[in-house]
Amino acid sequence: MNALSSTLRGSADGGILFMCPGCKTVHGIKVGEGAGPRWGYNGNPDAPTFTPSILVTTGRAVDPNFKPEPGDPPEVCHSFVTDGRIQFLTDSSHALAGQTVPLPPFSWGEE
């Protein structure tokens, strides 16, 4: 994992990682050429924009038989990252749904 800025990290597989303040964990996307889903990226690690929206689903949103446990991440996180800010759409299942906040500093696994 390499630092691209205070808020972004590059992953070994060529992806970009950022901290999600709604889920309190890392989300990752793939940009550029290659297999699988890819996002557009404005190339600015200090004020990134990714297109289209980023939808992360876990738990019952993926498997109706999933049994949630305390500490599990939110089941739906849907956002736009624009100019270094993350806009959480109202279908997100965490406390920041409907809000726009700055991308926080990246801190996962770097303590």
N, C-alpha and C. Protein backbone atom coordinates (compact mmCIF):
# COMPACT_ATOMS: atom_id res chain seq x y z
N MET A 1 0.86 -1.17 0.00
CA MET A 1 0.00 0.00 0.00
C MET A 1 0.90 1.23 0.00
N ASN A 2 0.68 2.13 -0.95
CA ASN A 2 1.50 3.34 -1.01
C ASN A 2 0.63 4.58 -0.86
N ALA A 3 1.17 5.59 -0.19
CA ALA A 3 0.45 6.84 0.04
C ALA A 3 0.39 7.65 -1.25
N LEU A 4 -0.83 8.00 -1.66
CA LEU A 4 -1.02 8.91 -2.78
C LEU A 4 -1.25 10.33 -2.28
N SER A 5 -1.83 10.44 -1.08
CA SER A 5 -2.09 11.72 -0.41
C SER A 5 -2.44 11.40 1.04
N SER A 6 -2.86 12.39 1.79
CA SER A 6 -3.25 12.13 3.18
C SER A 6 -4.55 11.32 3.26
N THR A 7 -5.34 11.31 2.17
CA THR A 7 -6.63 10.62 2.19
C THR A 7 -6.69 9.37 1.32
N LEU A 8 -5.74 9.17 0.41
CA LEU A 8 -5.80 8.04 -0.52
C LEU A 8 -4.56 7.17 -0.41
N ARG A 9 -4.78 5.88 -0.66
CA ARG A 9 -3.68 4.92 -0.75
C ARG A 9 -3.85 4.13 -2.05
N GLY A 10 -2.75 3.75 -2.63
CA GLY A 10 -2.77 2.87 -3.77
C GLY A 10 -2.61 1.43 -3.28
N SER A 11 -3.38 0.51 -3.82
CA SER A 11 -3.29 -0.89 -3.40
C SER A 11 -2.38 -1.65 -4.36
N ALA A 12 -1.91 -2.81 -3.93
CA ALA A 12 -0.99 -3.63 -4.72
C ALA A 12 -1.59 -4.06 -6.05
N ASP A 13 -2.92 -4.16 -6.11
CA ASP A 13 -3.58 -4.60 -7.34
C ASP A 13 -3.95 -3.44 -8.26
N GLY A 14 -3.43 -2.25 -7.98
CA GLY A 14 -3.69 -1.09 -8.83
C GLY A 14 -4.92 -0.30 -8.47
N GLY A 15 -5.57 -0.64 -7.36
CA GLY A 15 -6.77 0.09 -6.93
C GLY A 15 -6.42 1.32 -6.11
N ILE A 16 -7.45 2.06 -5.76
CA ILE A 16 -7.33 3.23 -4.89
C ILE A 16 -8.21 2.96 -3.67
N LEU A 17 -7.64 3.22 -2.49
CA LEU A 17 -8.34 3.00 -1.22
C LEU A 17 -8.57 4.33 -0.52
N PHE A 18 -9.72 4.44 0.17
CA PHE A 18 -10.01 5.61 0.99
C PHE A 18 -10.80 5.18 2.22
N MET A 19 -10.70 5.97 3.27
CA MET A 19 -11.45 5.70 4.50
C MET A 19 -12.87 6.20 4.32
N CYS A 20 -13.82 5.38 4.75
CA CYS A 20 -15.22 5.79 4.73
C CYS A 20 -15.63 6.16 6.15
N PRO A 21 -15.96 7.43 6.40
CA PRO A 21 -16.35 7.82 7.75
C PRO A 21 -17.72 7.28 8.15
N GLY A 22 -18.55 6.91 7.18
CA GLY A 22 -19.86 6.33 7.49
C GLY A 22 -19.74 4.89 7.96
N CYS A 23 -18.91 4.12 7.29
CA CYS A 23 -18.72 2.70 7.62
C CYS A 23 -17.59 2.49 8.63
N LYS A 24 -16.73 3.51 8.78
CA LYS A 24 -15.55 3.42 9.64
C LYS A 24 -14.63 2.29 9.21
N THR A 25 -14.48 2.15 7.90
CA THR A 25 -13.58 1.17 7.33
C THR A 25 -13.12 1.67 5.96
N VAL A 26 -12.33 0.87 5.28
CA VAL A 26 -11.77 1.24 3.99
C VAL A 26 -12.68 0.77 2.86
N HIS A 27 -12.82 1.61 1.84
CA HIS A 27 -13.45 1.22 0.59
C HIS A 27 -12.39 1.32 -0.51
N GLY A 28 -12.50 0.48 -1.52
CA GLY A 28 -11.55 0.49 -2.61
C GLY A 28 -12.23 0.42 -3.96
N ILE A 29 -11.63 1.04 -4.94
CA ILE A 29 -12.12 1.01 -6.32
C ILE A 29 -10.95 0.75 -7.25
N LYS A 30 -11.27 0.36 -8.46
CA LYS A 30 -10.26 0.19 -9.51
C LYS A 30 -10.46 1.31 -10.53
N VAL A 31 -9.35 1.88 -10.99
CA VAL A 31 -9.40 2.92 -12.01
C VAL A 31 -8.51 2.51 -13.18
N GLY A 32 -8.69 3.15 -14.30
CA GLY A 32 -7.87 2.86 -15.47
C GLY A 32 -8.32 1.61 -16.20
N GLU A 33 -7.43 1.11 -17.05
CA GLU A 33 -7.73 -0.06 -17.87
C GLU A 33 -7.67 -1.34 -17.05
N GLY A 34 -8.40 -2.36 -17.51
CA GLY A 34 -8.33 -3.65 -16.85
C GLY A 34 -9.68 -4.31 -16.75
N ALA A 35 -9.64 -5.52 -16.23
CA ALA A 35 -10.86 -6.30 -16.09
C ALA A 35 -11.68 -5.82 -14.89
N GLY A 36 -12.95 -6.14 -14.93
CA GLY A 36 -13.83 -5.83 -13.81
C GLY A 36 -14.33 -4.41 -13.83
N PRO A 37 -15.17 -4.06 -12.87
CA PRO A 37 -15.70 -2.69 -12.81
C PRO A 37 -14.57 -1.67 -12.63
N ARG A 38 -14.68 -0.55 -13.31
CA ARG A 38 -13.67 0.52 -13.24
C ARG A 38 -14.38 1.86 -13.06
N TRP A 39 -13.72 2.74 -12.33
CA TRP A 39 -14.26 4.08 -12.10
C TRP A 39 -13.39 5.11 -12.79
N GLY A 40 -13.99 6.22 -13.14
CA GLY A 40 -13.24 7.36 -13.61
C GLY A 40 -12.60 8.05 -12.42
N TYR A 41 -11.44 8.65 -12.65
CA TYR A 41 -10.69 9.33 -11.60
C TYR A 41 -10.08 10.59 -12.20
N ASN A 42 -10.24 11.71 -11.51
CA ASN A 42 -9.72 12.98 -12.03
C ASN A 42 -8.21 13.11 -11.89
N GLY A 43 -7.54 12.14 -11.26
CA GLY A 43 -6.08 12.17 -11.14
C GLY A 43 -5.55 13.08 -10.05
N ASN A 44 -6.42 13.69 -9.27
CA ASN A 44 -5.99 14.60 -8.21
C ASN A 44 -6.09 13.91 -6.85
N PRO A 45 -4.99 13.41 -6.30
CA PRO A 45 -5.06 12.69 -5.03
C PRO A 45 -5.42 13.59 -3.83
N ASP A 46 -5.25 14.90 -3.97
CA ASP A 46 -5.59 15.81 -2.87
C ASP A 46 -7.06 16.21 -2.87
N ALA A 47 -7.73 16.14 -4.02
CA ALA A 47 -9.16 16.45 -4.13
C ALA A 47 -9.77 15.50 -5.15
N PRO A 48 -9.80 14.19 -4.82
CA PRO A 48 -10.24 13.20 -5.80
C PRO A 48 -11.72 13.29 -6.14
N THR A 49 -12.00 12.97 -7.40
CA THR A 49 -13.36 12.75 -7.88
C THR A 49 -13.37 11.39 -8.56
N PHE A 50 -14.33 10.55 -8.16
CA PHE A 50 -14.52 9.24 -8.78
C PHE A 50 -15.91 9.21 -9.40
N THR A 51 -16.02 8.65 -10.60
CA THR A 51 -17.33 8.51 -11.24
C THR A 51 -17.45 7.11 -11.81
N PRO A 52 -18.62 6.51 -11.76
CA PRO A 52 -19.87 6.99 -11.18
C PRO A 52 -19.87 6.80 -9.66
N SER A 53 -21.06 6.72 -9.07
CA SER A 53 -21.18 6.52 -7.63
C SER A 53 -20.54 5.20 -7.21
N ILE A 54 -20.25 5.09 -5.92
CA ILE A 54 -19.65 3.89 -5.34
C ILE A 54 -20.69 3.25 -4.43
N LEU A 55 -21.03 2.01 -4.72
CA LEU A 55 -22.02 1.27 -3.93
C LEU A 55 -21.32 0.07 -3.29
N VAL A 56 -21.31 0.05 -1.96
CA VAL A 56 -20.72 -1.06 -1.20
C VAL A 56 -21.86 -1.73 -0.44
N THR A 57 -22.01 -3.04 -0.65
CA THR A 57 -23.05 -3.79 0.05
C THR A 57 -22.43 -4.96 0.80
N THR A 58 -22.98 -5.24 1.97
CA THR A 58 -22.53 -6.35 2.81
C THR A 58 -23.74 -6.98 3.49
N GLY A 59 -23.50 -8.01 4.24
CA GLY A 59 -24.54 -8.59 5.10
C GLY A 59 -25.79 -9.00 4.35
N ARG A 60 -26.94 -8.63 4.91
CA ARG A 60 -28.23 -9.02 4.33
C ARG A 60 -28.50 -8.39 2.97
N ALA A 61 -27.82 -7.28 2.66
CA ALA A 61 -27.99 -6.68 1.34
C ALA A 61 -27.43 -7.59 0.25
N VAL A 62 -26.54 -8.50 0.64
CA VAL A 62 -25.92 -9.44 -0.29
C VAL A 62 -26.50 -10.84 -0.12
N ASP A 63 -26.75 -11.22 1.13
CA ASP A 63 -27.23 -12.57 1.46
C ASP A 63 -28.38 -12.47 2.45
N PRO A 64 -29.62 -12.74 2.01
CA PRO A 64 -30.78 -12.60 2.91
C PRO A 64 -30.70 -13.51 4.13
N ASN A 65 -29.87 -14.55 4.09
CA ASN A 65 -29.73 -15.46 5.22
C ASN A 65 -28.63 -15.04 6.20
N PHE A 66 -27.96 -13.93 5.91
CA PHE A 66 -26.88 -13.45 6.77
C PHE A 66 -27.44 -13.10 8.15
N LYS A 67 -26.72 -13.48 9.18
CA LYS A 67 -27.11 -13.17 10.56
C LYS A 67 -26.19 -12.06 11.08
N PRO A 68 -26.71 -10.83 11.19
CA PRO A 68 -25.86 -9.73 11.64
C PRO A 68 -25.40 -9.93 13.08
N GLU A 69 -24.20 -9.41 13.36
CA GLU A 69 -23.61 -9.46 14.69
C GLU A 69 -23.15 -8.05 15.07
N PRO A 70 -23.06 -7.77 16.37
CA PRO A 70 -22.57 -6.45 16.79
C PRO A 70 -21.20 -6.17 16.17
N GLY A 71 -21.02 -4.95 15.72
CA GLY A 71 -19.75 -4.55 15.13
C GLY A 71 -19.66 -4.73 13.63
N ASP A 72 -20.68 -5.38 13.02
CA ASP A 72 -20.68 -5.52 11.56
C ASP A 72 -20.78 -4.15 10.91
N PRO A 73 -20.18 -3.97 9.72
CA PRO A 73 -20.30 -2.68 9.03
C PRO A 73 -21.73 -2.48 8.53
N PRO A 74 -22.09 -1.26 8.16
CA PRO A 74 -23.41 -1.02 7.58
C PRO A 74 -23.62 -1.90 6.35
N GLU A 75 -24.86 -2.25 6.07
CA GLU A 75 -25.14 -3.14 4.95
C GLU A 75 -25.13 -2.44 3.60
N VAL A 76 -25.40 -1.14 3.58
CA VAL A 76 -25.38 -0.39 2.32
C VAL A 76 -24.66 0.93 2.54
N CYS A 77 -23.69 1.21 1.68
CA CYS A 77 -23.00 2.50 1.66
C CYS A 77 -22.96 2.93 0.20
N HIS A 78 -23.65 4.00 -0.11
CA HIS A 78 -23.75 4.49 -1.49
C HIS A 78 -23.32 5.95 -1.48
N SER A 79 -22.31 6.28 -2.29
CA SER A 79 -21.76 7.62 -2.23
C SER A 79 -21.21 8.09 -3.56
N PHE A 80 -21.05 9.40 -3.64
CA PHE A 80 -20.28 10.05 -4.70
C PHE A 80 -19.07 10.69 -4.01
N VAL A 81 -17.90 10.54 -4.59
CA VAL A 81 -16.71 11.26 -4.12
C VAL A 81 -16.41 12.32 -5.16
N THR A 82 -16.49 13.59 -4.73
CA THR A 82 -16.31 14.72 -5.63
C THR A 82 -15.45 15.77 -4.96
N ASP A 83 -14.35 16.14 -5.61
CA ASP A 83 -13.45 17.19 -5.11
C ASP A 83 -13.05 16.96 -3.66
N GLY A 84 -12.77 15.71 -3.29
CA GLY A 84 -12.29 15.40 -1.95
C GLY A 84 -13.37 15.33 -0.88
N ARG A 85 -14.62 15.36 -1.30
CA ARG A 85 -15.73 15.26 -0.36
C ARG A 85 -16.56 14.03 -0.72
N ILE A 86 -17.13 13.39 0.29
CA ILE A 86 -17.93 12.21 0.07
C ILE A 86 -19.39 12.52 0.41
N GLN A 87 -20.24 12.38 -0.61
CA GLN A 87 -21.67 12.63 -0.45
C GLN A 87 -22.36 11.29 -0.31
N PHE A 88 -22.92 11.04 0.87
CA PHE A 88 -23.62 9.78 1.12
C PHE A 88 -25.07 9.90 0.67
N LEU A 89 -25.48 9.00 -0.18
CA LEU A 89 -26.85 9.00 -0.66
C LEU A 89 -27.77 8.46 0.42
N THR A 90 -29.07 8.76 0.30
CA THR A 90 -30.02 8.43 1.36
C THR A 90 -30.31 6.94 1.47
N ASP A 91 -29.87 6.13 0.48
CA ASP A 91 -30.06 4.68 0.63
C ASP A 91 -28.95 4.04 1.45
N SER A 92 -27.97 4.81 1.90
CA SER A 92 -26.94 4.29 2.80
C SER A 92 -27.58 3.94 4.14
N SER A 93 -27.08 2.90 4.78
CA SER A 93 -27.69 2.45 6.04
C SER A 93 -26.84 2.81 7.26
N HIS A 94 -26.19 3.96 7.20
CA HIS A 94 -25.41 4.42 8.36
C HIS A 94 -25.79 5.86 8.71
N ALA A 95 -25.24 6.35 9.79
CA ALA A 95 -25.64 7.65 10.35
C ALA A 95 -25.33 8.84 9.43
N LEU A 96 -24.43 8.69 8.45
CA LEU A 96 -24.09 9.81 7.57
C LEU A 96 -24.93 9.85 6.29
N ALA A 97 -25.91 8.96 6.17
CA ALA A 97 -26.79 8.97 4.98
C ALA A 97 -27.38 10.36 4.79
N GLY A 98 -27.32 10.86 3.56
CA GLY A 98 -27.87 12.18 3.24
C GLY A 98 -26.94 13.34 3.54
N GLN A 99 -25.73 13.07 4.02
CA GLN A 99 -24.78 14.12 4.36
C GLN A 99 -23.58 14.11 3.42
N THR A 100 -22.90 15.26 3.35
CA THR A 100 -21.65 15.39 2.60
C THR A 100 -20.58 15.85 3.56
N VAL A 101 -19.45 15.11 3.58
CA VAL A 101 -18.36 15.41 4.51
C VAL A 101 -17.03 15.28 3.77
N PRO A 102 -15.95 15.90 4.28
CA PRO A 102 -14.64 15.72 3.65
C PRO A 102 -14.16 14.27 3.81
N LEU A 103 -13.38 13.80 2.84
CA LEU A 103 -12.73 12.50 3.02
C LEU A 103 -11.79 12.64 4.21
N PRO A 104 -11.83 11.70 5.14
CA PRO A 104 -10.95 11.79 6.31
C PRO A 104 -9.54 11.33 5.98
N PRO A 105 -8.57 11.66 6.82
CA PRO A 105 -7.22 11.13 6.63
C PRO A 105 -7.24 9.61 6.66
N PHE A 106 -6.41 9.01 5.85
CA PHE A 106 -6.33 7.55 5.79
C PHE A 106 -5.55 7.06 7.01
N SER A 107 -6.12 6.10 7.74
CA SER A 107 -5.43 5.63 8.95
C SER A 107 -5.49 4.12 9.14
N TRP A 108 -6.15 3.41 8.28
CA TRP A 108 -6.33 1.96 8.45
C TRP A 108 -5.01 1.22 8.30
N GLY A 109 -4.64 0.47 9.33
CA GLY A 109 -3.44 -0.33 9.28
C GLY A 109 -2.14 0.44 9.33
N GLU A 110 -2.19 1.71 9.67
CA GLU A 110 -0.97 2.54 9.68
C GLU A 110 -0.63 3.06 11.07
N GLU A 111 -1.25 2.51 12.10
CA GLU A 111 -0.99 2.99 13.45
C GLU A 111 0.38 2.58 13.89
